[in-house]
C-alpha cells in the first residue's frame, strides 16, 4: 500500500477549514512535522508517535490517515513496510494490523 498521508492531511485541513498552525497548536504536534507531512515527507521513527495523536484529533482510523483506506478493506496484515539505513545499520519499519 502506498502512504497517502499528504493527500489525506490536505483534504482534512481543507474540509475543516483549518491551518497547519492551528492543527499544530491543538494537537501538540510540532509545526515542522506537520509541514513535512503535508509536503510529502513520510513519518519517521522519530515522529511516528504523532500519527496516533493526529488520528485521534481528526477522528479517523490510522489506516485512513496513512493509506486512505479502512482497515477492513486491507487484504494484508502488513499495511506498510519500509527499509532505511543509518550509517552501517539497517532498519525495517512495519505497520501491521494486530488482532484484539
PDB file of N, CA and C in Angstrom:
ATOM      1  N   UNK A   1       0.833  -1.176   0.000  1.00  0.00           N
ATOM      2  CA  UNK A   1       0.000   0.000   0.000  1.00  0.00           C
ATOM      3  C   UNK A   1       0.882   1.245   0.000  1.00  0.00           C
ATOM      4  N   UNK A   2       0.439   2.224  -0.714  1.00  0.00           N
ATOM      5  CA  UNK A   2       1.166   3.491  -0.781  1.00  0.00           C
ATOM      6  C   UNK A   2       0.690   4.414   0.344  1.00  0.00           C
ATOM      7  N   UNK A   3       1.648   5.040   1.029  1.00  0.00           N
ATOM      8  CA  UNK A   3       1.298   6.012   2.067  1.00  0.00           C
ATOM      9  C   UNK A   3       0.698   7.244   1.398  1.00  0.00           C
ATOM     10  N   UNK A   4      -0.481   7.647   1.866  1.00  0.00           N
ATOM     11  CA  UNK A   4      -1.191   8.790   1.291  1.00  0.00           C
ATOM     12  C   UNK A   4      -1.459   9.867   2.335  1.00  0.00           C
ATOM     13  N   UNK A   5      -0.574   9.941   3.321  1.00  0.00           N
ATOM     14  CA  UNK A   5      -0.736  10.909   4.405  1.00  0.00           C
ATOM     15  C   UNK A   5      -0.844  12.332   3.871  1.00  0.00           C
ATOM     16  N   UNK A   6      -0.018  12.684   2.915  1.00  0.00           N
ATOM     17  CA  UNK A   6      -0.034  14.039   2.344  1.00  0.00           C
ATOM     18  C   UNK A   6      -1.422  14.403   1.825  1.00  0.00           C
ATOM     19  N   UNK A   7      -1.996  13.532   1.012  1.00  0.00           N
ATOM     20  CA  UNK A   7      -3.286  13.793   0.394  1.00  0.00           C
ATOM     21  C   UNK A   7      -4.405  13.839   1.437  1.00  0.00           C
ATOM     22  N   UNK A   8      -4.379  12.891   2.362  1.00  0.00           N
ATOM     23  CA  UNK A   8      -5.424  12.823   3.381  1.00  0.00           C
ATOM     24  C   UNK A   8      -5.346  14.051   4.289  1.00  0.00           C
ATOM     25  N   UNK A   9      -4.148  14.419   4.694  1.00  0.00           N
ATOM     26  CA  UNK A   9      -3.986  15.571   5.583  1.00  0.00           C
ATOM     27  C   UNK A   9      -4.439  16.862   4.901  1.00  0.00           C
ATOM     28  N   UNK A  10      -4.064  17.037   3.646  1.00  0.00           N
ATOM     29  CA  UNK A  10      -4.508  18.234   2.912  1.00  0.00           C
ATOM     30  C   UNK A  10      -6.030  18.280   2.814  1.00  0.00           C
ATOM     31  N   UNK A  11      -6.642  17.141   2.520  1.00  0.00           N
ATOM     32  CA  UNK A  11      -8.101  17.080   2.399  1.00  0.00           C
ATOM     33  C   UNK A  11      -8.778  17.377   3.735  1.00  0.00           C
ATOM     34  N   UNK A  12      -8.232  16.826   4.811  1.00  0.00           N
ATOM     35  CA  UNK A  12      -8.811  17.063   6.141  1.00  0.00           C
ATOM     36  C   UNK A  12      -8.695  18.534   6.538  1.00  0.00           C
ATOM     37  N   UNK A  13      -7.540  19.142   6.269  1.00  0.00           N
ATOM     38  CA  UNK A  13      -7.364  20.563   6.587  1.00  0.00           C
ATOM     39  C   UNK A  13      -8.361  21.415   5.815  1.00  0.00           C
ATOM     40  N   UNK A  14      -8.527  21.116   4.545  1.00  0.00           N
ATOM     41  CA  UNK A  14      -9.445  21.892   3.711  1.00  0.00           C
ATOM     42  C   UNK A  14     -10.890  21.720   4.185  1.00  0.00           C
ATOM     43  N   UNK A  15     -11.300  20.488   4.452  1.00  0.00           N
ATOM     44  CA  UNK A  15     -12.691  20.244   4.849  1.00  0.00           C
ATOM     45  C   UNK A  15     -12.998  20.856   6.222  1.00  0.00           C
ATOM     46  N   UNK A  16     -11.986  20.991   7.062  1.00  0.00           N
ATOM     47  CA  UNK A  16     -12.174  21.581   8.387  1.00  0.00           C
ATOM     48  C   UNK A  16     -11.870  23.073   8.397  1.00  0.00           C
ATOM     49  N   UNK A  17     -11.419  23.582   7.247  1.00  0.00           N
ATOM     50  CA  UNK A  17     -11.022  24.983   7.137  1.00  0.00           C
ATOM     51  C   UNK A  17     -10.029  25.332   8.253  1.00  0.00           C
ATOM     52  N   UNK A  18      -9.015  24.480   8.395  1.00  0.00           N
ATOM     53  CA  UNK A  18      -8.039  24.622   9.473  1.00  0.00           C
ATOM     54  C   UNK A  18      -6.643  24.786   8.881  1.00  0.00           C
ATOM     55  N   UNK A  19      -5.829  25.589   9.518  1.00  0.00           N
ATOM     56  CA  UNK A  19      -4.451  25.801   9.067  1.00  0.00           C
ATOM     57  C   UNK A  19      -3.513  24.827   9.780  1.00  0.00           C
ATOM     58  N   UNK A  20      -2.325  24.667   9.231  1.00  0.00           N
ATOM     59  CA  UNK A  20      -1.316  23.839   9.893  1.00  0.00           C
ATOM     60  C   UNK A  20      -0.958  24.416  11.262  1.00  0.00           C
ATOM     61  N   UNK A  21      -0.880  25.746  11.350  1.00  0.00           N
ATOM     62  CA  UNK A  21      -0.562  26.374  12.642  1.00  0.00           C
ATOM     63  C   UNK A  21      -1.594  26.018  13.691  1.00  0.00           C
ATOM     64  N   UNK A  22      -2.866  26.102  13.325  1.00  0.00           N
ATOM     65  CA  UNK A  22      -3.940  25.774  14.247  1.00  0.00           C
ATOM     66  C   UNK A  22      -3.884  24.300  14.648  1.00  0.00           C
ATOM     67  N   UNK A  23      -3.695  23.439  13.663  1.00  0.00           N
ATOM     68  CA  UNK A  23      -3.616  21.998  13.924  1.00  0.00           C
ATOM     69  C   UNK A  23      -2.455  21.695  14.870  1.00  0.00           C
ATOM     70  N   UNK A  24      -1.325  22.318  14.637  1.00  0.00           N
ATOM     71  CA  UNK A  24      -0.153  22.124  15.487  1.00  0.00           C
ATOM     72  C   UNK A  24      -0.445  22.526  16.937  1.00  0.00           C
ATOM     73  N   UNK A  25      -1.056  23.671  17.114  1.00  0.00           N
ATOM     74  CA  UNK A  25      -1.390  24.144  18.470  1.00  0.00           C
ATOM     75  C   UNK A  25      -2.384  23.210  19.158  1.00  0.00           C
ATOM     76  N   UNK A  26      -3.410  22.814  18.438  1.00  0.00           N
ATOM     77  CA  UNK A  26      -4.475  21.994  19.042  1.00  0.00           C
ATOM     78  C   UNK A  26      -4.010  20.575  19.374  1.00  0.00           C
ATOM     79  N   UNK A  27      -3.137  20.022  18.525  1.00  0.00           N
ATOM     80  CA  UNK A  27      -2.687  18.634  18.707  1.00  0.00           C
ATOM     81  C   UNK A  27      -1.393  18.512  19.505  1.00  0.00           C
ATOM     82  N   UNK A  28      -0.619  19.589  19.542  1.00  0.00           N
ATOM     83  CA  UNK A  28       0.682  19.496  20.192  1.00  0.00           C
ATOM     84  C   UNK A  28       1.728  18.814  19.329  1.00  0.00           C
ATOM     85  N   UNK A  29       1.470  18.751  18.036  1.00  0.00           N
ATOM     86  CA  UNK A  29       2.423  18.175  17.089  1.00  0.00           C
ATOM     87  C   UNK A  29       3.246  19.339  16.529  1.00  0.00           C
ATOM     88  N   UNK A  30       4.568  19.232  16.549  1.00  0.00           N
ATOM     89  CA  UNK A  30       5.382  20.333  16.037  1.00  0.00           C
ATOM     90  C   UNK A  30       4.995  20.722  14.605  1.00  0.00           C
ATOM     91  N   UNK A  31       4.949  22.012  14.359  1.00  0.00           N
ATOM     92  CA  UNK A  31       4.602  22.525  13.039  1.00  0.00           C
ATOM     93  C   UNK A  31       5.534  21.975  11.973  1.00  0.00           C
ATOM     94  N   UNK A  32       6.806  21.823  12.296  1.00  0.00           N
ATOM     95  CA  UNK A  32       7.768  21.304  11.316  1.00  0.00           C
ATOM     96  C   UNK A  32       7.416  19.883  10.877  1.00  0.00           C
ATOM     97  N   UNK A  33       6.901  19.077  11.797  1.00  0.00           N
ATOM     98  CA  UNK A  33       6.486  17.700  11.468  1.00  0.00           C
ATOM     99  C   UNK A  33       5.281  17.738  10.527  1.00  0.00           C
ATOM    100  N   UNK A  34       4.273  18.522  10.889  1.00  0.00           N
ATOM    101  CA  UNK A  34       3.071  18.625  10.048  1.00  0.00           C
ATOM    102  C   UNK A  34       3.410  19.200   8.681  1.00  0.00           C
ATOM    103  N   UNK A  35       4.257  20.202   8.657  1.00  0.00           N
ATOM    104  CA  UNK A  35       4.669  20.812   7.387  1.00  0.00           C
ATOM    105  C   UNK A  35       5.345  19.774   6.494  1.00  0.00           C
ATOM    106  N   UNK A  36       6.202  18.971   7.078  1.00  0.00           N
ATOM    107  CA  UNK A  36       6.852  17.902   6.319  1.00  0.00           C
ATOM    108  C   UNK A  36       5.840  16.922   5.755  1.00  0.00           C
ATOM    109  N   UNK A  37       4.920  16.483   6.581  1.00  0.00           N
ATOM    110  CA  UNK A  37       3.924  15.509   6.137  1.00  0.00           C
ATOM    111  C   UNK A  37       3.064  16.049   5.010  1.00  0.00           C
ATOM    112  N   UNK A  38       2.632  17.306   5.108  1.00  0.00           N
ATOM    113  CA  UNK A  38       1.755  17.877   4.093  1.00  0.00           C
ATOM    114  C   UNK A  38       2.529  18.146   2.794  1.00  0.00           C
ATOM    115  N   UNK A  39       3.853  18.101   2.878  1.00  0.00           N
ATOM    116  CA  UNK A  39       4.684  18.265   1.693  1.00  0.00           C
ATOM    117  C   UNK A  39       5.282  16.946   1.216  1.00  0.00           C
ATOM    118  N   UNK A  40       4.773  15.833   1.727  1.00  0.00           N
ATOM    119  CA  UNK A  40       5.146  14.528   1.202  1.00  0.00           C
ATOM    120  C   UNK A  40       6.223  13.782   1.948  1.00  0.00           C
ATOM    121  N   UNK A  41       6.728  14.341   3.041  1.00  0.00           N
ATOM    122  CA  UNK A  41       7.717  13.622   3.846  1.00  0.00           C
ATOM    123  C   UNK A  41       6.982  12.535   4.630  1.00  0.00           C
ATOM    124  N   UNK A  42       7.488  11.321   4.573  1.00  0.00           N
ATOM    125  CA  UNK A  42       6.851  10.213   5.289  1.00  0.00           C
ATOM    126  C   UNK A  42       7.170  10.273   6.773  1.00  0.00           C
ATOM    127  N   UNK A  43       6.292   9.756   7.608  1.00  0.00           N
ATOM    128  CA  UNK A  43       6.588   9.697   9.039  1.00  0.00           C
ATOM    129  C   UNK A  43       7.878   8.908   9.273  1.00  0.00           C
ATOM    130  N   UNK A  44       8.636   9.342  10.252  1.00  0.00           N
ATOM    131  CA  UNK A  44       9.880   8.664  10.598  1.00  0.00           C
ATOM    132  C   UNK A  44       9.750   8.040  11.979  1.00  0.00           C
ATOM    133  N   UNK A  45      10.745   7.272  12.359  1.00  0.00           N
ATOM    134  CA  UNK A  45      10.741   6.660  13.689  1.00  0.00           C
ATOM    135  C   UNK A  45      10.692   7.729  14.776  1.00  0.00           C
ATOM    136  N   UNK A  46      11.233   8.899  14.484  1.00  0.00           N
ATOM    137  CA  UNK A  46      11.270   9.975  15.475  1.00  0.00           C
ATOM    138  C   UNK A  46       9.906  10.637  15.678  1.00  0.00           C
ATOM    139  N   UNK A  47       9.047  10.615  14.663  1.00  0.00           N
ATOM    140  CA  UNK A  47       7.766  11.314  14.811  1.00  0.00           C
ATOM    141  C   UNK A  47       6.545  10.419  14.591  1.00  0.00           C
ATOM    142  N   UNK A  48       6.764   9.146  14.469  1.00  0.00           N
ATOM    143  CA  UNK A  48       5.661   8.217  14.213  1.00  0.00           C
ATOM    144  C   UNK A  48       4.607   8.251  15.325  1.00  0.00           C
ATOM    145  N   UNK A  49       5.024   8.532  16.550  1.00  0.00           N
ATOM    146  CA  UNK A  49       4.070   8.558  17.673  1.00  0.00           C
ATOM    147  C   UNK A  49       3.019   9.656  17.497  1.00  0.00           C
ATOM    148  N   UNK A  50       3.293  10.655  16.679  1.00  0.00           N
ATOM    149  CA  UNK A  50       2.321  11.715  16.448  1.00  0.00           C
ATOM    150  C   UNK A  50       1.166  11.268  15.543  1.00  0.00           C
ATOM    151  N   UNK A  51       1.334  10.166  14.837  1.00  0.00           N
ATOM    152  CA  UNK A  51       0.268   9.671  13.953  1.00  0.00           C
ATOM    153  C   UNK A  51      -0.982   9.334  14.770  1.00  0.00           C
ATOM    154  N   UNK A  52      -0.809   8.686  15.911  1.00  0.00           N
ATOM    155  CA  UNK A  52      -1.956   8.350  16.763  1.00  0.00           C
ATOM    156  C   UNK A  52      -2.643   9.607  17.264  1.00  0.00           C
ATOM    157  N   UNK A  53      -1.859  10.603  17.668  1.00  0.00           N
ATOM    158  CA  UNK A  53      -2.414  11.879  18.136  1.00  0.00           C
ATOM    159  C   UNK A  53      -3.254  12.526  17.039  1.00  0.00           C
ATOM    160  N   UNK A  54      -2.711  12.556  15.831  1.00  0.00           N
ATOM    161  CA  UNK A  54      -3.411  13.163  14.705  1.00  0.00           C
ATOM    162  C   UNK A  54      -4.669  12.377  14.345  1.00  0.00           C
ATOM    163  N   UNK A  55      -4.556  11.062  14.347  1.00  0.00           N
ATOM    164  CA  UNK A  55      -5.705  10.200  14.071  1.00  0.00           C
ATOM    165  C   UNK A  55      -6.837  10.469  15.070  1.00  0.00           C
ATOM    166  N   UNK A  56      -6.489  10.578  16.328  1.00  0.00           N
ATOM    167  CA  UNK A  56      -7.493  10.857  17.363  1.00  0.00           C
ATOM    168  C   UNK A  56      -8.122  12.230  17.166  1.00  0.00           C
ATOM    169  N   UNK A  57      -7.299  13.231  16.888  1.00  0.00           N
ATOM    170  CA  UNK A  57      -7.812  14.588  16.706  1.00  0.00           C
ATOM    171  C   UNK A  57      -8.759  14.668  15.513  1.00  0.00           C
ATOM    172  N   UNK A  58      -8.365  14.049  14.401  1.00  0.00           N
ATOM    173  CA  UNK A  58      -9.186  14.094  13.186  1.00  0.00           C
ATOM    174  C   UNK A  58     -10.361  13.124  13.242  1.00  0.00           C
ATOM    175  N   UNK A  59     -10.353  12.239  14.239  1.00  0.00           N
ATOM    176  CA  UNK A  59     -11.398  11.231  14.418  1.00  0.00           C
ATOM    177  C   UNK A  59     -11.525  10.315  13.208  1.00  0.00           C
ATOM    178  N   UNK A  60     -10.371   9.878  12.713  1.00  0.00           N
ATOM    179  CA  UNK A  60     -10.337   8.901  11.622  1.00  0.00           C
ATOM    180  C   UNK A  60      -9.353   7.802  11.998  1.00  0.00           C
ATOM    181  N   UNK A  61      -9.579   6.573  11.520  1.00  0.00           N
ATOM    182  CA  UNK A  61      -8.646   5.488  11.834  1.00  0.00           C
ATOM    183  C   UNK A  61      -7.260   5.751  11.234  1.00  0.00           C
ATOM    184  N   UNK A  62      -6.251   5.190  11.865  1.00  0.00           N
ATOM    185  CA  UNK A  62      -4.886   5.336  11.361  1.00  0.00           C
ATOM    186  C   UNK A  62      -4.779   4.848   9.930  1.00  0.00           C
ATOM    187  N   UNK A  63      -5.459   3.767   9.598  1.00  0.00           N
ATOM    188  CA  UNK A  63      -5.401   3.243   8.222  1.00  0.00           C
ATOM    189  C   UNK A  63      -5.942   4.261   7.224  1.00  0.00           C
ATOM    190  N   UNK A  64      -6.949   5.018   7.622  1.00  0.00           N
ATOM    191  CA  UNK A  64      -7.498   6.059   6.745  1.00  0.00           C
ATOM    192  C   UNK A  64      -6.519   7.219   6.636  1.00  0.00           C
ATOM    193  N   UNK A  65      -5.910   7.605   7.746  1.00  0.00           N
ATOM    194  CA  UNK A  65      -4.966   8.702   7.754  1.00  0.00           C
ATOM    195  C   UNK A  65      -3.730   8.388   6.900  1.00  0.00           C
ATOM    196  N   UNK A  66      -3.198   7.202   7.055  1.00  0.00           N
ATOM    197  CA  UNK A  66      -1.962   6.854   6.342  1.00  0.00           C
ATOM    198  C   UNK A  66      -2.186   6.356   4.921  1.00  0.00           C
ATOM    199  N   UNK A  67      -3.251   5.582   4.709  1.00  0.00           N
ATOM    200  CA  UNK A  67      -3.419   4.886   3.434  1.00  0.00           C
ATOM    201  C   UNK A  67      -4.717   5.208   2.701  1.00  0.00           C
ATOM    202  N   UNK A  68      -5.537   6.072   3.292  1.00  0.00           N
ATOM    203  CA  UNK A  68      -6.822   6.433   2.697  1.00  0.00           C
ATOM    204  C   UNK A  68      -7.695   5.202   2.459  1.00  0.00           C
ATOM    205  N   UNK A  69      -7.656   4.294   3.401  1.00  0.00           N
ATOM    206  CA  UNK A  69      -8.461   3.082   3.322  1.00  0.00           C
ATOM    207  C   UNK A  69      -8.875   2.660   4.727  1.00  0.00           C
ATOM    208  N   UNK A  70      -9.973   1.969   4.802  1.00  0.00           N
ATOM    209  CA  UNK A  70     -10.408   1.429   6.084  1.00  0.00           C
ATOM    210  C   UNK A  70      -9.687   0.122   6.334  1.00  0.00           C
ATOM    211  N   UNK A  71      -9.480  -0.203   7.604  1.00  0.00           N
ATOM    212  CA  UNK A  71      -8.746  -1.414   7.964  1.00  0.00           C
ATOM    213  C   UNK A  71      -9.375  -2.665   7.370  1.00  0.00           C
ATOM    214  N   UNK A  72     -10.691  -2.711   7.317  1.00  0.00           N
ATOM    215  CA  UNK A  72     -11.353  -3.915   6.817  1.00  0.00           C
ATOM    216  C   UNK A  72     -11.238  -4.053   5.300  1.00  0.00           C
ATOM    217  N   UNK A  73     -10.729  -3.035   4.609  1.00  0.00           N
ATOM    218  CA  UNK A  73     -10.535  -3.120   3.168  1.00  0.00           C
ATOM    219  C   UNK A  73      -9.168  -3.688   2.806  1.00  0.00           C
ATOM    220  N   UNK A  74      -8.287  -3.755   3.770  1.00  0.00           N
ATOM    221  CA  UNK A  74      -6.935  -4.243   3.513  1.00  0.00           C
ATOM    222  C   UNK A  74      -6.939  -5.759   3.418  1.00  0.00           C
ATOM    223  N   UNK A  75      -6.229  -6.285   2.442  1.00  0.00           N
ATOM    224  CA  UNK A  75      -6.160  -7.728   2.251  1.00  0.00           C
ATOM    225  C   UNK A  75      -4.998  -8.344   3.023  1.00  0.00           C
ATOM    226  N   UNK A  76      -4.114  -7.518   3.547  1.00  0.00           N
ATOM    227  CA  UNK A  76      -2.917  -7.995   4.217  1.00  0.00           C
ATOM    228  C   UNK A  76      -2.867  -7.473   5.645  1.00  0.00           C
ATOM    229  N   UNK A  77      -2.198  -8.237   6.517  1.00  0.00           N
ATOM    230  CA  UNK A  77      -1.993  -7.760   7.877  1.00  0.00           C
ATOM    231  C   UNK A  77      -0.889  -6.709   7.933  1.00  0.00           C
ATOM    232  N   UNK A  78       0.050  -6.740   6.979  1.00  0.00           N
ATOM    233  CA  UNK A  78       1.103  -5.728   6.919  1.00  0.00           C
ATOM    234  C   UNK A  78       0.617  -4.618   6.006  1.00  0.00           C
ATOM    235  N   UNK A  79       0.378  -3.453   6.593  1.00  0.00           N
ATOM    236  CA  UNK A  79      -0.149  -2.326   5.844  1.00  0.00           C
ATOM    237  C   UNK A  79       0.952  -1.524   5.172  1.00  0.00           C
ATOM    238  N   UNK A  80       2.151  -1.535   5.767  1.00  0.00           N
ATOM    239  CA  UNK A  80       3.247  -0.733   5.233  1.00  0.00           C
ATOM    240  C   UNK A  80       4.558  -1.344   5.687  1.00  0.00           C
ATOM    241  N   UNK A  81       5.530  -1.371   4.795  1.00  0.00           N
ATOM    242  CA  UNK A  81       6.866  -1.845   5.115  1.00  0.00           C
ATOM    243  C   UNK A  81       7.871  -0.954   4.410  1.00  0.00           C
ATOM    244  N   UNK A  82       8.871  -0.523   5.141  1.00  0.00           N
ATOM    245  CA  UNK A  82       9.904   0.331   4.559  1.00  0.00           C
ATOM    246  C   UNK A  82      11.234   0.007   5.227  1.00  0.00           C
ATOM    247  N   UNK A  83      12.301   0.048   4.452  1.00  0.00           N
ATOM    248  CA  UNK A  83      13.634  -0.164   4.998  1.00  0.00           C
ATOM    249  C   UNK A  83      14.451   1.098   4.809  1.00  0.00           C
ATOM    250  N   UNK A  84      15.312   1.366   5.776  1.00  0.00           N
ATOM    251  CA  UNK A  84      16.197   2.515   5.666  1.00  0.00           C
ATOM    252  C   UNK A  84      17.494   2.216   6.395  1.00  0.00           C
ATOM    253  N   UNK A  85      18.528   2.973   6.057  1.00  0.00           N
ATOM    254  CA  UNK A  85      19.843   2.784   6.651  1.00  0.00           C
ATOM    255  C   UNK A  85      20.231   4.014   7.440  1.00  0.00           C
ATOM    256  N   UNK A  86      20.957   3.780   8.512  1.00  0.00           N
ATOM    257  CA  UNK A  86      21.549   4.840   9.316  1.00  0.00           C
ATOM    258  C   UNK A  86      23.011   4.458   9.495  1.00  0.00           C
ATOM    259  N   UNK A  87      23.837   4.998   8.623  1.00  0.00           N
ATOM    260  CA  UNK A  87      25.232   4.566   8.619  1.00  0.00           C
ATOM    261  C   UNK A  87      25.293   3.131   8.154  1.00  0.00           C
ATOM    262  N   UNK A  88      25.889   2.289   8.960  1.00  0.00           N
ATOM    263  CA  UNK A  88      26.005   0.869   8.596  1.00  0.00           C
ATOM    264  C   UNK A  88      24.847   0.033   9.127  1.00  0.00           C
ATOM    265  N   UNK A  89      23.981   0.632   9.916  1.00  0.00           N
ATOM    266  CA  UNK A  89      22.825  -0.100  10.459  1.00  0.00           C
ATOM    267  C   UNK A  89      21.639   0.030   9.517  1.00  0.00           C
ATOM    268  N   UNK A  90      20.908  -1.060   9.368  1.00  0.00           N
ATOM    269  CA  UNK A  90      19.708  -1.069   8.536  1.00  0.00           C
ATOM    270  C   UNK A  90      18.507  -1.342   9.441  1.00  0.00           C
ATOM    271  N   UNK A  91      17.392  -0.720   9.072  1.00  0.00           N
ATOM    272  CA  UNK A  91      16.162  -0.856   9.851  1.00  0.00           C
ATOM    273  C   UNK A  91      15.000  -1.163   8.917  1.00  0.00           C
ATOM    274  N   UNK A  92      14.001  -1.857   9.452  1.00  0.00           N
ATOM    275  CA  UNK A  92      12.751  -2.105   8.725  1.00  0.00           C
ATOM    276  C   UNK A  92      11.624  -1.600   9.613  1.00  0.00           C
ATOM    277  N   UNK A  93      10.772  -0.805   9.025  1.00  0.00           N
ATOM    278  CA  UNK A  93       9.616  -0.265   9.723  1.00  0.00           C
ATOM    279  C   UNK A  93       8.373  -0.942   9.139  1.00  0.00           C
ATOM    280  N   UNK A  94       7.607  -1.587  10.002  1.00  0.00           N
ATOM    281  CA  UNK A  94       6.369  -2.260   9.590  1.00  0.00           C
ATOM    282  C   UNK A  94       5.187  -1.644  10.324  1.00  0.00           C
ATOM    283  N   UNK A  95       4.117  -1.455   9.606  1.00  0.00           N
ATOM    284  CA  UNK A  95       2.849  -1.125  10.225  1.00  0.00           C
ATOM    285  C   UNK A  95       1.941  -2.313   9.933  1.00  0.00           C
ATOM    286  N   UNK A  96       1.582  -3.003  10.981  1.00  0.00           N
ATOM    287  CA  UNK A  96       0.876  -4.271  10.849  1.00  0.00           C
ATOM    288  C   UNK A  96      -0.397  -4.263  11.677  1.00  0.00           C
ATOM    289  N   UNK A  97      -1.480  -4.782  11.094  1.00  0.00           N
ATOM    290  CA  UNK A  97      -2.712  -4.955  11.859  1.00  0.00           C
ATOM    291  C   UNK A  97      -2.492  -6.093  12.842  1.00  0.00           C
ATOM    292  N   UNK A  98      -2.958  -5.897  14.066  1.00  0.00           N
ATOM    293  CA  UNK A  98      -2.904  -6.990  15.031  1.00  0.00           C
ATOM    294  C   UNK A  98      -4.316  -7.243  15.533  1.00  0.00           C
ATOM    295  N   UNK A  99      -4.562  -8.457  15.886  1.00  0.00           N
ATOM    296  CA  UNK A  99      -5.879  -8.848  16.367  1.00  0.00           C
ATOM    297  C   UNK A  99      -6.070  -8.383  17.789  1.00  0.00           C
ATOM    298  N   UNK A 100      -7.294  -8.049  18.143  1.00  0.00           N
ATOM    299  CA  UNK A 100      -7.608  -7.600  19.525  1.00  0.00           C
ATOM    300  C   UNK A 100      -7.518  -8.743  20.481  1.00  0.00           C
TER     301      UNK A 100
END
